[in-house]
Amino acid sequence: MGAELATLVGELSPYVTAAVGAYGATVLARAQEEAADATVGWGRRMLQQIFGVRPDEDDVPETVIELAQAPDDPDLQAALRVQIRRLMAADEELAARLRAMVAEARAETAGTVTVTASGDHSAGFNH
């Protein structure tokens, strides 16, 4: 199941990263503003599913706050992925809900998610 969760986290990562980049630490607030971009909206809903709705920024997980401050930082993106994978490993129902959300998001946003890979071992390139 570990490899399956890692794959699922990789699939939801573009959504949650886009949401944190767009909303910052307020991404977990209940406000129902419509996101201009469907990817951001899905990411926000996924993060709220993972961490719950958090009306107070002081209650937002540190990994989300740090990523909000530097959304393009690949190390912070990885830290959030690890935290999400651990939460899903501990909660099969959460993993199932997120799996369904990713499938729905893919269908709705087909062709709109852009993933940028960098580094020596990204996108299957090995030296």
N, C-alpha and C. Protein backbone atom coordinates (compact mmCIF):
# COMPACT_ATOMS: atom_id res chain seq x y z
N MET A 1 0.82 -1.19 0.00
CA MET A 1 0.00 0.00 0.00
C MET A 1 0.86 1.26 0.00
N GLY A 2 2.10 1.17 0.48
CA GLY A 2 2.97 2.33 0.53
C GLY A 2 3.23 2.94 -0.83
N ALA A 3 3.49 2.10 -1.83
CA ALA A 3 3.74 2.60 -3.18
C ALA A 3 2.47 3.22 -3.77
N GLU A 4 1.33 2.62 -3.47
CA GLU A 4 0.06 3.16 -3.95
C GLU A 4 -0.21 4.55 -3.35
N LEU A 5 0.08 4.70 -2.05
CA LEU A 5 -0.11 6.00 -1.41
C LEU A 5 0.85 7.04 -1.97
N ALA A 6 2.08 6.63 -2.22
CA ALA A 6 3.06 7.56 -2.80
C ALA A 6 2.59 8.03 -4.17
N THR A 7 2.02 7.13 -4.95
CA THR A 7 1.49 7.49 -6.26
C THR A 7 0.32 8.45 -6.11
N LEU A 8 -0.59 8.16 -5.18
CA LEU A 8 -1.75 9.03 -4.95
C LEU A 8 -1.31 10.42 -4.50
N VAL A 9 -0.34 10.48 -3.60
CA VAL A 9 0.16 11.77 -3.14
C VAL A 9 0.76 12.54 -4.32
N GLY A 10 1.49 11.86 -5.18
CA GLY A 10 2.05 12.51 -6.36
C GLY A 10 0.96 13.06 -7.26
N GLU A 11 -0.16 12.34 -7.35
CA GLU A 11 -1.25 12.78 -8.21
C GLU A 11 -1.99 13.98 -7.63
N LEU A 12 -2.10 14.07 -6.31
CA LEU A 12 -2.82 15.20 -5.75
C LEU A 12 -1.91 16.39 -5.47
N SER A 13 -0.61 16.17 -5.53
CA SER A 13 0.36 17.22 -5.25
C SER A 13 0.19 18.49 -6.10
N PRO A 14 -0.01 18.40 -7.41
CA PRO A 14 -0.17 19.64 -8.18
C PRO A 14 -1.37 20.46 -7.73
N TYR A 15 -2.42 19.78 -7.30
CA TYR A 15 -3.63 20.47 -6.85
C TYR A 15 -3.38 21.20 -5.53
N VAL A 16 -2.82 20.47 -4.54
CA VAL A 16 -2.64 21.10 -3.24
C VAL A 16 -1.56 22.18 -3.27
N THR A 17 -0.53 21.97 -4.06
CA THR A 17 0.52 22.99 -4.18
C THR A 17 -0.03 24.25 -4.83
N ALA A 18 -0.85 24.09 -5.86
CA ALA A 18 -1.47 25.25 -6.51
C ALA A 18 -2.38 25.99 -5.54
N ALA A 19 -3.12 25.25 -4.72
CA ALA A 19 -4.02 25.87 -3.76
C ALA A 19 -3.26 26.65 -2.70
N VAL A 20 -2.19 26.06 -2.17
CA VAL A 20 -1.39 26.77 -1.16
C VAL A 20 -0.75 28.00 -1.78
N GLY A 21 -0.27 27.87 -3.02
CA GLY A 21 0.32 29.03 -3.69
C GLY A 21 -0.68 30.15 -3.90
N ALA A 22 -1.92 29.80 -4.20
CA ALA A 22 -2.94 30.81 -4.47
C ALA A 22 -3.53 31.42 -3.20
N TYR A 23 -3.77 30.59 -2.19
CA TYR A 23 -4.46 31.05 -0.99
C TYR A 23 -3.55 31.31 0.19
N GLY A 24 -2.34 30.79 0.14
CA GLY A 24 -1.46 30.93 1.29
C GLY A 24 -2.00 30.13 2.47
N ALA A 25 -1.72 30.60 3.67
CA ALA A 25 -2.12 29.88 4.87
C ALA A 25 -3.62 29.91 5.10
N THR A 26 -4.36 30.73 4.37
CA THR A 26 -5.81 30.77 4.53
C THR A 26 -6.49 29.67 3.73
N VAL A 27 -5.72 28.79 3.12
CA VAL A 27 -6.27 27.73 2.27
C VAL A 27 -7.24 26.82 3.02
N LEU A 28 -7.11 26.71 4.32
CA LEU A 28 -7.98 25.83 5.08
C LEU A 28 -9.17 26.54 5.70
N ALA A 29 -9.33 27.83 5.42
CA ALA A 29 -10.49 28.57 5.93
C ALA A 29 -11.75 28.11 5.19
N ARG A 30 -12.88 28.27 5.82
CA ARG A 30 -14.12 27.77 5.25
C ARG A 30 -14.64 28.64 4.10
N ALA A 31 -14.17 29.83 3.94
CA ALA A 31 -14.69 30.73 2.90
C ALA A 31 -14.89 29.99 1.59
N GLN A 32 -16.00 30.21 0.95
CA GLN A 32 -16.36 29.48 -0.26
C GLN A 32 -16.12 30.29 -1.53
N GLU A 33 -15.08 31.10 -1.53
CA GLU A 33 -14.76 31.85 -2.74
C GLU A 33 -14.51 30.88 -3.88
N GLU A 34 -15.01 31.22 -5.05
CA GLU A 34 -14.75 30.38 -6.22
C GLU A 34 -13.34 30.66 -6.73
N ALA A 35 -12.58 29.63 -6.87
CA ALA A 35 -11.22 29.79 -7.40
C ALA A 35 -11.30 30.07 -8.89
N ALA A 36 -10.45 30.96 -9.35
CA ALA A 36 -10.41 31.28 -10.78
C ALA A 36 -9.96 30.06 -11.57
N ASP A 37 -9.19 29.21 -10.96
CA ASP A 37 -8.63 28.05 -11.62
C ASP A 37 -9.17 26.79 -10.96
N ALA A 38 -9.67 25.87 -11.75
CA ALA A 38 -10.24 24.63 -11.21
C ALA A 38 -9.22 23.84 -10.41
N THR A 39 -7.97 23.84 -10.83
CA THR A 39 -6.93 23.10 -10.12
C THR A 39 -6.78 23.62 -8.69
N VAL A 40 -6.78 24.94 -8.54
CA VAL A 40 -6.65 25.55 -7.22
C VAL A 40 -7.86 25.18 -6.36
N GLY A 41 -9.04 25.21 -6.94
CA GLY A 41 -10.24 24.86 -6.19
C GLY A 41 -10.21 23.42 -5.70
N TRP A 42 -9.79 22.50 -6.57
CA TRP A 42 -9.67 21.10 -6.16
C TRP A 42 -8.63 20.95 -5.07
N GLY A 43 -7.50 21.62 -5.23
CA GLY A 43 -6.45 21.53 -4.21
C GLY A 43 -6.92 22.01 -2.86
N ARG A 44 -7.68 23.08 -2.86
CA ARG A 44 -8.20 23.62 -1.60
C ARG A 44 -9.13 22.60 -0.95
N ARG A 45 -10.02 22.01 -1.73
CA ARG A 45 -10.95 21.02 -1.17
C ARG A 45 -10.18 19.78 -0.67
N MET A 46 -9.14 19.39 -1.38
CA MET A 46 -8.34 18.24 -0.94
C MET A 46 -7.65 18.55 0.39
N LEU A 47 -7.05 19.73 0.48
CA LEU A 47 -6.37 20.11 1.72
C LEU A 47 -7.35 20.19 2.88
N GLN A 48 -8.55 20.73 2.63
CA GLN A 48 -9.55 20.79 3.70
C GLN A 48 -9.99 19.39 4.11
N GLN A 49 -10.03 18.46 3.17
CA GLN A 49 -10.37 17.07 3.47
C GLN A 49 -9.25 16.45 4.33
N ILE A 50 -8.01 16.76 4.01
CA ILE A 50 -6.86 16.19 4.71
C ILE A 50 -6.70 16.77 6.11
N PHE A 51 -6.73 18.10 6.21
CA PHE A 51 -6.43 18.77 7.47
C PHE A 51 -7.65 19.33 8.19
N GLY A 52 -8.79 19.31 7.53
CA GLY A 52 -9.99 19.90 8.11
C GLY A 52 -10.05 21.39 7.81
N VAL A 53 -11.21 21.96 8.07
CA VAL A 53 -11.38 23.40 7.88
C VAL A 53 -10.80 24.08 9.10
N ARG A 54 -9.95 25.06 8.87
CA ARG A 54 -9.26 25.75 9.96
C ARG A 54 -9.50 27.25 9.83
N PRO A 55 -10.43 27.80 10.58
CA PRO A 55 -10.75 29.21 10.44
C PRO A 55 -9.63 30.14 10.91
N ASP A 56 -8.75 29.64 11.74
CA ASP A 56 -7.69 30.46 12.31
C ASP A 56 -6.35 30.04 11.75
N GLU A 57 -5.62 30.99 11.16
CA GLU A 57 -4.31 30.68 10.58
C GLU A 57 -3.35 30.09 11.59
N ASP A 58 -3.55 30.38 12.88
CA ASP A 58 -2.66 29.85 13.90
C ASP A 58 -2.80 28.34 14.05
N ASP A 59 -3.89 27.79 13.52
CA ASP A 59 -4.17 26.36 13.64
C ASP A 59 -3.76 25.58 12.39
N VAL A 60 -3.19 26.26 11.41
CA VAL A 60 -2.81 25.62 10.14
C VAL A 60 -1.49 24.87 10.34
N PRO A 61 -1.39 23.65 9.79
CA PRO A 61 -0.14 22.90 9.94
C PRO A 61 1.07 23.68 9.42
N GLU A 62 2.17 23.53 10.11
CA GLU A 62 3.40 24.26 9.78
C GLU A 62 3.85 24.01 8.35
N THR A 63 3.68 22.79 7.85
CA THR A 63 4.11 22.52 6.48
C THR A 63 3.32 23.34 5.47
N VAL A 64 2.05 23.59 5.74
CA VAL A 64 1.23 24.42 4.84
C VAL A 64 1.68 25.87 4.93
N ILE A 65 1.93 26.36 6.13
CA ILE A 65 2.38 27.75 6.30
C ILE A 65 3.70 27.97 5.59
N GLU A 66 4.65 27.05 5.78
CA GLU A 66 5.96 27.20 5.14
C GLU A 66 5.84 27.18 3.62
N LEU A 67 5.03 26.27 3.09
CA LEU A 67 4.86 26.21 1.64
C LEU A 67 4.16 27.46 1.12
N ALA A 68 3.25 28.01 1.90
CA ALA A 68 2.57 29.24 1.51
C ALA A 68 3.57 30.39 1.36
N GLN A 69 4.61 30.38 2.17
CA GLN A 69 5.62 31.43 2.13
C GLN A 69 6.60 31.25 0.98
N ALA A 70 6.73 30.03 0.49
CA ALA A 70 7.66 29.74 -0.62
C ALA A 70 7.07 28.61 -1.46
N PRO A 71 5.98 28.88 -2.21
CA PRO A 71 5.27 27.81 -2.92
C PRO A 71 6.07 27.10 -4.00
N ASP A 72 7.14 27.68 -4.47
CA ASP A 72 7.95 27.05 -5.52
C ASP A 72 9.10 26.21 -4.96
N ASP A 73 9.23 26.14 -3.64
CA ASP A 73 10.32 25.42 -3.02
C ASP A 73 10.04 23.91 -3.07
N PRO A 74 10.83 23.15 -3.85
CA PRO A 74 10.57 21.71 -3.98
C PRO A 74 10.73 20.94 -2.68
N ASP A 75 11.59 21.40 -1.78
CA ASP A 75 11.75 20.71 -0.50
C ASP A 75 10.50 20.86 0.36
N LEU A 76 9.90 22.05 0.35
CA LEU A 76 8.68 22.26 1.11
C LEU A 76 7.51 21.51 0.49
N GLN A 77 7.48 21.42 -0.83
CA GLN A 77 6.45 20.63 -1.51
C GLN A 77 6.59 19.16 -1.09
N ALA A 78 7.82 18.68 -1.05
CA ALA A 78 8.07 17.29 -0.65
C ALA A 78 7.66 17.06 0.80
N ALA A 79 7.94 18.02 1.67
CA ALA A 79 7.57 17.89 3.08
C ALA A 79 6.05 17.75 3.23
N LEU A 80 5.31 18.52 2.46
CA LEU A 80 3.84 18.43 2.52
C LEU A 80 3.38 17.08 1.98
N ARG A 81 4.00 16.61 0.90
CA ARG A 81 3.64 15.29 0.36
C ARG A 81 3.87 14.19 1.38
N VAL A 82 4.99 14.25 2.10
CA VAL A 82 5.30 13.25 3.12
C VAL A 82 4.25 13.29 4.23
N GLN A 83 3.89 14.47 4.67
CA GLN A 83 2.90 14.60 5.73
C GLN A 83 1.55 14.03 5.27
N ILE A 84 1.16 14.34 4.04
CA ILE A 84 -0.11 13.83 3.50
C ILE A 84 -0.06 12.31 3.38
N ARG A 85 1.04 11.77 2.90
CA ARG A 85 1.17 10.31 2.77
C ARG A 85 1.04 9.64 4.13
N ARG A 86 1.65 10.20 5.15
CA ARG A 86 1.56 9.62 6.50
C ARG A 86 0.11 9.64 7.00
N LEU A 87 -0.58 10.74 6.77
CA LEU A 87 -1.97 10.84 7.21
C LEU A 87 -2.85 9.83 6.48
N MET A 88 -2.61 9.65 5.18
CA MET A 88 -3.39 8.68 4.43
C MET A 88 -3.06 7.25 4.85
N ALA A 89 -1.81 6.98 5.17
CA ALA A 89 -1.42 5.64 5.61
C ALA A 89 -2.12 5.28 6.92
N ALA A 90 -2.39 6.27 7.74
CA ALA A 90 -3.05 6.06 9.02
C ALA A 90 -4.57 6.04 8.92
N ASP A 91 -5.11 6.44 7.78
CA ASP A 91 -6.57 6.59 7.63
C ASP A 91 -6.99 6.14 6.24
N GLU A 92 -7.39 4.87 6.13
CA GLU A 92 -7.77 4.32 4.82
C GLU A 92 -8.98 5.03 4.22
N GLU A 93 -9.90 5.48 5.06
CA GLU A 93 -11.08 6.21 4.55
C GLU A 93 -10.66 7.53 3.91
N LEU A 94 -9.71 8.22 4.54
CA LEU A 94 -9.20 9.46 3.96
C LEU A 94 -8.56 9.18 2.62
N ALA A 95 -7.75 8.14 2.55
CA ALA A 95 -7.09 7.77 1.29
C ALA A 95 -8.13 7.48 0.21
N ALA A 96 -9.20 6.78 0.56
CA ALA A 96 -10.24 6.47 -0.41
C ALA A 96 -10.96 7.73 -0.89
N ARG A 97 -11.25 8.64 0.05
CA ARG A 97 -11.91 9.91 -0.35
C ARG A 97 -11.01 10.71 -1.27
N LEU A 98 -9.72 10.76 -0.96
CA LEU A 98 -8.80 11.52 -1.79
C LEU A 98 -8.60 10.87 -3.15
N ARG A 99 -8.59 9.56 -3.20
CA ARG A 99 -8.48 8.85 -4.47
C ARG A 99 -9.66 9.23 -5.36
N ALA A 100 -10.86 9.26 -4.80
CA ALA A 100 -12.06 9.64 -5.55
C ALA A 100 -11.99 11.09 -5.99
N MET A 101 -11.49 11.96 -5.12
CA MET A 101 -11.37 13.38 -5.47
C MET A 101 -10.38 13.59 -6.61
N VAL A 102 -9.26 12.86 -6.57
CA VAL A 102 -8.27 12.99 -7.64
C VAL A 102 -8.88 12.56 -8.97
N ALA A 103 -9.62 11.46 -8.96
CA ALA A 103 -10.25 10.99 -10.19
C ALA A 103 -11.25 12.03 -10.72
N GLU A 104 -12.03 12.60 -9.82
CA GLU A 104 -13.01 13.62 -10.22
C GLU A 104 -12.30 14.88 -10.73
N ALA A 105 -11.25 15.28 -10.04
CA ALA A 105 -10.50 16.47 -10.43
C ALA A 105 -9.86 16.27 -11.80
N ARG A 106 -9.30 15.09 -12.02
CA ARG A 106 -8.69 14.80 -13.32
C ARG A 106 -9.72 14.94 -14.44
N ALA A 107 -10.90 14.39 -14.21
CA ALA A 107 -11.95 14.45 -15.23
C ALA A 107 -12.36 15.89 -15.50
N GLU A 108 -12.45 16.69 -14.44
CA GLU A 108 -12.89 18.08 -14.60
C GLU A 108 -11.80 18.98 -15.18
N THR A 109 -10.56 18.72 -14.82
CA THR A 109 -9.48 19.62 -15.21
C THR A 109 -8.59 19.02 -16.29
N ALA A 110 -9.07 18.03 -16.98
CA ALA A 110 -8.26 17.36 -18.01
C ALA A 110 -7.54 18.38 -18.89
N GLY A 111 -6.22 18.25 -18.91
CA GLY A 111 -5.42 19.13 -19.75
C GLY A 111 -5.05 20.46 -19.11
N THR A 112 -5.46 20.70 -17.83
CA THR A 112 -5.19 21.99 -17.23
C THR A 112 -4.12 21.96 -16.15
N VAL A 113 -3.71 20.78 -15.71
CA VAL A 113 -2.71 20.69 -14.65
C VAL A 113 -1.33 20.65 -15.28
N THR A 114 -0.46 21.53 -14.83
CA THR A 114 0.91 21.57 -15.31
C THR A 114 1.82 21.15 -14.18
N VAL A 115 2.66 20.18 -14.44
CA VAL A 115 3.61 19.71 -13.45
C VAL A 115 5.00 19.99 -13.98
N THR A 116 5.81 20.65 -13.17
CA THR A 116 7.19 20.93 -13.54
C THR A 116 8.10 20.06 -12.70
N ALA A 117 8.95 19.30 -13.34
CA ALA A 117 9.90 18.45 -12.64
C ALA A 117 11.29 19.01 -12.86
N SER A 118 12.09 19.00 -11.80
CA SER A 118 13.47 19.47 -11.94
C SER A 118 14.36 18.61 -11.06
N GLY A 119 15.61 18.64 -11.34
CA GLY A 119 16.56 17.87 -10.56
C GLY A 119 17.09 16.68 -11.35
N ASP A 120 18.15 16.09 -10.83
CA ASP A 120 18.83 15.00 -11.52
C ASP A 120 17.96 13.77 -11.76
N HIS A 121 17.05 13.48 -10.85
CA HIS A 121 16.27 12.25 -10.95
C HIS A 121 14.81 12.49 -11.29
N SER A 122 14.48 13.66 -11.76
CA SER A 122 13.08 13.95 -12.09
C SER A 122 12.70 13.40 -13.45
N ALA A 123 11.44 13.12 -13.60
CA ALA A 123 10.87 12.68 -14.86
C ALA A 123 11.62 11.51 -15.49
N GLY A 124 12.21 10.70 -14.63
CA GLY A 124 12.85 9.49 -15.12
C GLY A 124 14.23 9.70 -15.70
N PHE A 125 14.79 10.88 -15.56
CA PHE A 125 16.13 11.11 -16.09
C PHE A 125 17.14 10.76 -15.00
N ASN A 126 18.05 9.91 -15.32
CA ASN A 126 19.09 9.54 -14.37
C ASN A 126 20.44 9.75 -15.04
N HIS A 127 21.38 10.21 -14.25
CA HIS A 127 22.73 10.43 -14.78
C HIS A 127 23.66 9.37 -14.30
